[in-house]
Amino acid sequence: MSTSTPSARARHSPGSRSRRILRASSFPPRPDHWNVQAGWTRYLYHPDGSSSYEHAEYPDFNGQAEEMLMFDVEALPAYSPYAVMA
């Protein structure tokens, strides 16, 4: 029988490092224009506050593969009977 509490187990679970990183992260502003096409899109934010986008072969940050991805999945029954990744 384990003597650790549920909160102690949660702090040391396989996803706990990822959760800590996500909580400490700041998110970029919403792009000026959403690019709607198949594949990955990289949104770029400029010092003047504007944004642009470009096609990306895979998600990366400063040339290194991303360690964590977050997806926004919507249920849009009028559009599709399946979940739609936003």
N, C-alpha and C. Protein backbone atom coordinates (compact mmCIF):
# COMPACT_ATOMS: atom_id res chain seq x y z
N MET A 1 0.84 -1.17 0.00
CA MET A 1 0.00 0.00 0.00
C MET A 1 0.88 1.24 0.00
N SER A 2 0.55 2.20 -0.82
CA SER A 2 1.32 3.43 -0.93
C SER A 2 0.95 4.38 0.20
N THR A 3 1.97 5.05 0.75
CA THR A 3 1.70 6.01 1.80
C THR A 3 1.67 7.44 1.26
N SER A 4 1.93 7.62 -0.03
CA SER A 4 1.92 8.97 -0.59
C SER A 4 0.49 9.44 -0.79
N THR A 5 0.30 10.73 -0.67
CA THR A 5 -1.03 11.32 -0.85
C THR A 5 -1.31 11.49 -2.34
N PRO A 6 -2.58 11.64 -2.71
CA PRO A 6 -2.91 11.86 -4.13
C PRO A 6 -2.17 13.06 -4.71
N SER A 7 -2.05 14.17 -3.95
CA SER A 7 -1.38 15.35 -4.48
C SER A 7 0.12 15.09 -4.66
N ALA A 8 0.72 14.30 -3.79
CA ALA A 8 2.14 13.96 -3.95
C ALA A 8 2.35 13.09 -5.19
N ARG A 9 1.44 12.16 -5.42
CA ARG A 9 1.55 11.33 -6.62
C ARG A 9 1.39 12.18 -7.87
N ALA A 10 0.47 13.13 -7.86
CA ALA A 10 0.24 14.00 -9.03
C ALA A 10 1.47 14.84 -9.33
N ARG A 11 2.19 15.29 -8.29
CA ARG A 11 3.39 16.11 -8.52
C ARG A 11 4.49 15.31 -9.19
N HIS A 12 4.48 14.00 -9.05
CA HIS A 12 5.55 13.16 -9.59
C HIS A 12 5.06 12.23 -10.69
N SER A 13 3.89 12.50 -11.24
CA SER A 13 3.36 11.66 -12.32
C SER A 13 4.12 11.95 -13.61
N PRO A 14 4.02 11.07 -14.61
CA PRO A 14 4.77 11.27 -15.86
C PRO A 14 4.50 12.61 -16.53
N GLY A 15 3.32 13.18 -16.38
CA GLY A 15 3.02 14.45 -17.03
C GLY A 15 3.27 15.67 -16.16
N SER A 16 3.77 15.48 -14.95
CA SER A 16 3.90 16.61 -14.02
C SER A 16 4.90 17.65 -14.53
N ARG A 17 6.00 17.25 -15.13
CA ARG A 17 6.97 18.21 -15.67
C ARG A 17 6.33 19.03 -16.78
N SER A 18 5.59 18.36 -17.65
CA SER A 18 4.91 19.07 -18.74
C SER A 18 3.88 20.05 -18.21
N ARG A 19 3.14 19.66 -17.18
CA ARG A 19 2.14 20.56 -16.60
C ARG A 19 2.80 21.79 -15.99
N ARG A 20 3.93 21.60 -15.30
CA ARG A 20 4.64 22.75 -14.71
C ARG A 20 5.12 23.69 -15.80
N ILE A 21 5.68 23.15 -16.87
CA ILE A 21 6.16 23.98 -17.98
C ILE A 21 5.00 24.75 -18.60
N LEU A 22 3.89 24.08 -18.83
CA LEU A 22 2.74 24.72 -19.45
C LEU A 22 2.20 25.84 -18.56
N ARG A 23 2.09 25.59 -17.25
CA ARG A 23 1.59 26.63 -16.34
C ARG A 23 2.51 27.86 -16.33
N ALA A 24 3.81 27.66 -16.49
CA ALA A 24 4.76 28.77 -16.44
C ALA A 24 4.90 29.48 -17.78
N SER A 25 4.28 28.96 -18.82
CA SER A 25 4.43 29.51 -20.16
C SER A 25 3.50 30.70 -20.38
N SER A 26 3.94 31.57 -21.27
CA SER A 26 3.05 32.63 -21.73
C SER A 26 2.70 32.31 -23.17
N PHE A 27 1.51 32.67 -23.57
CA PHE A 27 1.05 32.34 -24.90
C PHE A 27 1.11 33.57 -25.79
N PRO A 28 1.41 33.37 -27.06
CA PRO A 28 1.50 34.52 -27.97
C PRO A 28 0.12 35.11 -28.22
N PRO A 29 0.08 36.35 -28.73
CA PRO A 29 -1.21 36.95 -29.06
C PRO A 29 -1.86 36.23 -30.23
N ARG A 30 -3.13 36.45 -30.41
CA ARG A 30 -3.87 35.86 -31.53
C ARG A 30 -3.34 36.46 -32.84
N PRO A 31 -3.14 35.64 -33.87
CA PRO A 31 -2.66 36.17 -35.16
C PRO A 31 -3.67 37.13 -35.79
N ASP A 32 -3.17 38.03 -36.63
CA ASP A 32 -4.05 38.94 -37.37
C ASP A 32 -4.93 38.17 -38.35
N HIS A 33 -4.42 37.06 -38.88
CA HIS A 33 -5.14 36.26 -39.87
C HIS A 33 -4.82 34.79 -39.62
N TRP A 34 -5.85 33.94 -39.58
CA TRP A 34 -5.65 32.50 -39.43
C TRP A 34 -5.45 31.89 -40.81
N ASN A 35 -4.41 31.11 -40.97
CA ASN A 35 -4.16 30.42 -42.24
C ASN A 35 -4.91 29.09 -42.20
N VAL A 36 -5.84 28.90 -43.11
CA VAL A 36 -6.65 27.68 -43.13
C VAL A 36 -6.20 26.82 -44.30
N GLN A 37 -5.35 25.84 -44.02
CA GLN A 37 -4.87 24.89 -45.03
C GLN A 37 -4.33 23.68 -44.31
N ALA A 38 -4.18 22.60 -45.02
CA ALA A 38 -3.65 21.37 -44.43
C ALA A 38 -2.18 21.56 -44.06
N GLY A 39 -1.74 20.89 -43.02
CA GLY A 39 -0.34 20.93 -42.63
C GLY A 39 -0.11 21.87 -41.46
N TRP A 40 1.16 22.07 -41.13
CA TRP A 40 1.55 22.92 -40.01
C TRP A 40 1.73 24.35 -40.48
N THR A 41 1.35 25.29 -39.65
CA THR A 41 1.55 26.71 -39.92
C THR A 41 2.30 27.32 -38.75
N ARG A 42 3.35 28.09 -39.07
CA ARG A 42 4.10 28.81 -38.04
C ARG A 42 3.65 30.28 -38.09
N TYR A 43 3.19 30.79 -36.97
CA TYR A 43 2.79 32.18 -36.88
C TYR A 43 3.94 32.99 -36.32
N LEU A 44 4.25 34.08 -36.99
CA LEU A 44 5.37 34.94 -36.61
C LEU A 44 4.83 36.26 -36.08
N TYR A 45 5.39 36.75 -35.00
CA TYR A 45 4.96 37.99 -34.38
C TYR A 45 6.08 39.00 -34.49
N HIS A 46 5.76 40.20 -34.94
CA HIS A 46 6.75 41.23 -35.24
C HIS A 46 6.74 42.32 -34.17
N PRO A 47 7.88 43.01 -34.00
CA PRO A 47 7.98 44.05 -32.96
C PRO A 47 6.92 45.15 -33.07
N ASP A 48 6.41 45.41 -34.28
CA ASP A 48 5.40 46.46 -34.43
C ASP A 48 4.00 45.98 -34.03
N GLY A 49 3.88 44.73 -33.56
CA GLY A 49 2.60 44.18 -33.12
C GLY A 49 1.85 43.42 -34.19
N SER A 50 2.34 43.43 -35.42
CA SER A 50 1.67 42.69 -36.50
C SER A 50 2.12 41.23 -36.47
N SER A 51 1.46 40.41 -37.27
CA SER A 51 1.83 39.00 -37.36
C SER A 51 1.78 38.55 -38.81
N SER A 52 2.45 37.47 -39.08
CA SER A 52 2.40 36.83 -40.40
C SER A 52 2.51 35.34 -40.17
N TYR A 53 2.47 34.57 -41.24
CA TYR A 53 2.57 33.12 -41.10
C TYR A 53 3.34 32.54 -42.27
N GLU A 54 3.81 31.30 -42.05
CA GLU A 54 4.51 30.57 -43.10
C GLU A 54 4.26 29.08 -42.90
N HIS A 55 4.37 28.32 -43.99
CA HIS A 55 4.23 26.87 -43.89
C HIS A 55 5.41 26.32 -43.10
N ALA A 56 5.17 25.30 -42.30
CA ALA A 56 6.24 24.65 -41.54
C ALA A 56 6.17 23.15 -41.81
N GLU A 57 7.31 22.53 -42.04
CA GLU A 57 7.36 21.08 -42.26
C GLU A 57 6.97 20.32 -40.99
N TYR A 58 7.36 20.86 -39.84
CA TYR A 58 7.05 20.25 -38.55
C TYR A 58 7.15 21.34 -37.48
N PRO A 59 6.54 21.15 -36.33
CA PRO A 59 6.61 22.16 -35.28
C PRO A 59 8.02 22.22 -34.69
N ASP A 60 8.61 23.40 -34.71
CA ASP A 60 9.94 23.57 -34.12
C ASP A 60 10.01 24.94 -33.44
N PHE A 61 11.03 25.09 -32.61
CA PHE A 61 11.28 26.35 -31.93
C PHE A 61 12.78 26.58 -31.96
N ASN A 62 13.18 27.65 -32.63
CA ASN A 62 14.60 27.97 -32.79
C ASN A 62 15.39 26.80 -33.37
N GLY A 63 14.80 26.11 -34.34
CA GLY A 63 15.49 25.03 -35.02
C GLY A 63 15.45 23.68 -34.31
N GLN A 64 14.86 23.62 -33.14
CA GLN A 64 14.78 22.37 -32.39
C GLN A 64 13.33 21.89 -32.38
N ALA A 65 13.14 20.58 -32.44
CA ALA A 65 11.79 20.02 -32.40
C ALA A 65 11.10 20.43 -31.10
N GLU A 66 9.82 20.76 -31.20
CA GLU A 66 9.05 21.12 -30.00
C GLU A 66 8.99 19.93 -29.06
N GLU A 67 9.02 20.21 -27.76
CA GLU A 67 8.91 19.16 -26.76
C GLU A 67 7.46 18.92 -26.36
N MET A 68 6.59 19.92 -26.57
CA MET A 68 5.21 19.82 -26.14
C MET A 68 4.32 20.53 -27.15
N LEU A 69 3.21 19.91 -27.48
CA LEU A 69 2.21 20.51 -28.37
C LEU A 69 0.87 20.50 -27.66
N MET A 70 0.08 21.55 -27.88
CA MET A 70 -1.26 21.62 -27.33
C MET A 70 -2.21 21.82 -28.51
N PHE A 71 -3.28 21.06 -28.52
CA PHE A 71 -4.25 21.14 -29.60
C PHE A 71 -5.58 21.64 -29.08
N ASP A 72 -6.24 22.45 -29.89
CA ASP A 72 -7.59 22.93 -29.59
C ASP A 72 -8.52 22.11 -30.48
N VAL A 73 -9.31 21.26 -29.88
CA VAL A 73 -10.22 20.39 -30.63
C VAL A 73 -11.65 20.84 -30.35
N GLU A 74 -12.41 21.07 -31.39
CA GLU A 74 -13.77 21.57 -31.27
C GLU A 74 -14.77 20.54 -31.76
N ALA A 75 -15.95 20.56 -31.21
CA ALA A 75 -17.06 19.76 -31.72
C ALA A 75 -17.95 20.72 -32.52
N LEU A 76 -18.00 20.54 -33.83
CA LEU A 76 -18.77 21.41 -34.71
C LEU A 76 -19.73 20.56 -35.53
N PRO A 77 -20.82 20.11 -34.93
CA PRO A 77 -21.71 19.17 -35.61
C PRO A 77 -22.27 19.68 -36.92
N ALA A 78 -22.43 21.00 -37.09
CA ALA A 78 -22.95 21.53 -38.36
C ALA A 78 -21.91 21.40 -39.48
N TYR A 79 -20.63 21.29 -39.10
CA TYR A 79 -19.54 21.21 -40.07
C TYR A 79 -19.12 19.77 -40.33
N SER A 80 -19.04 18.98 -39.28
CA SER A 80 -18.54 17.61 -39.41
C SER A 80 -19.05 16.77 -38.24
N PRO A 81 -19.32 15.48 -38.47
CA PRO A 81 -19.74 14.63 -37.34
C PRO A 81 -18.55 14.26 -36.44
N TYR A 82 -17.34 14.64 -36.84
CA TYR A 82 -16.13 14.30 -36.11
C TYR A 82 -15.57 15.56 -35.41
N ALA A 83 -14.74 15.34 -34.43
CA ALA A 83 -14.07 16.48 -33.79
C ALA A 83 -13.18 17.15 -34.83
N VAL A 84 -13.10 18.46 -34.74
CA VAL A 84 -12.32 19.24 -35.69
C VAL A 84 -11.17 19.89 -34.93
N MET A 85 -9.96 19.70 -35.43
CA MET A 85 -8.82 20.31 -34.78
C MET A 85 -8.70 21.75 -35.28
N ALA A 86 -8.72 22.68 -34.32
CA ALA A 86 -8.65 24.10 -34.69
C ALA A 86 -7.20 24.54 -34.76
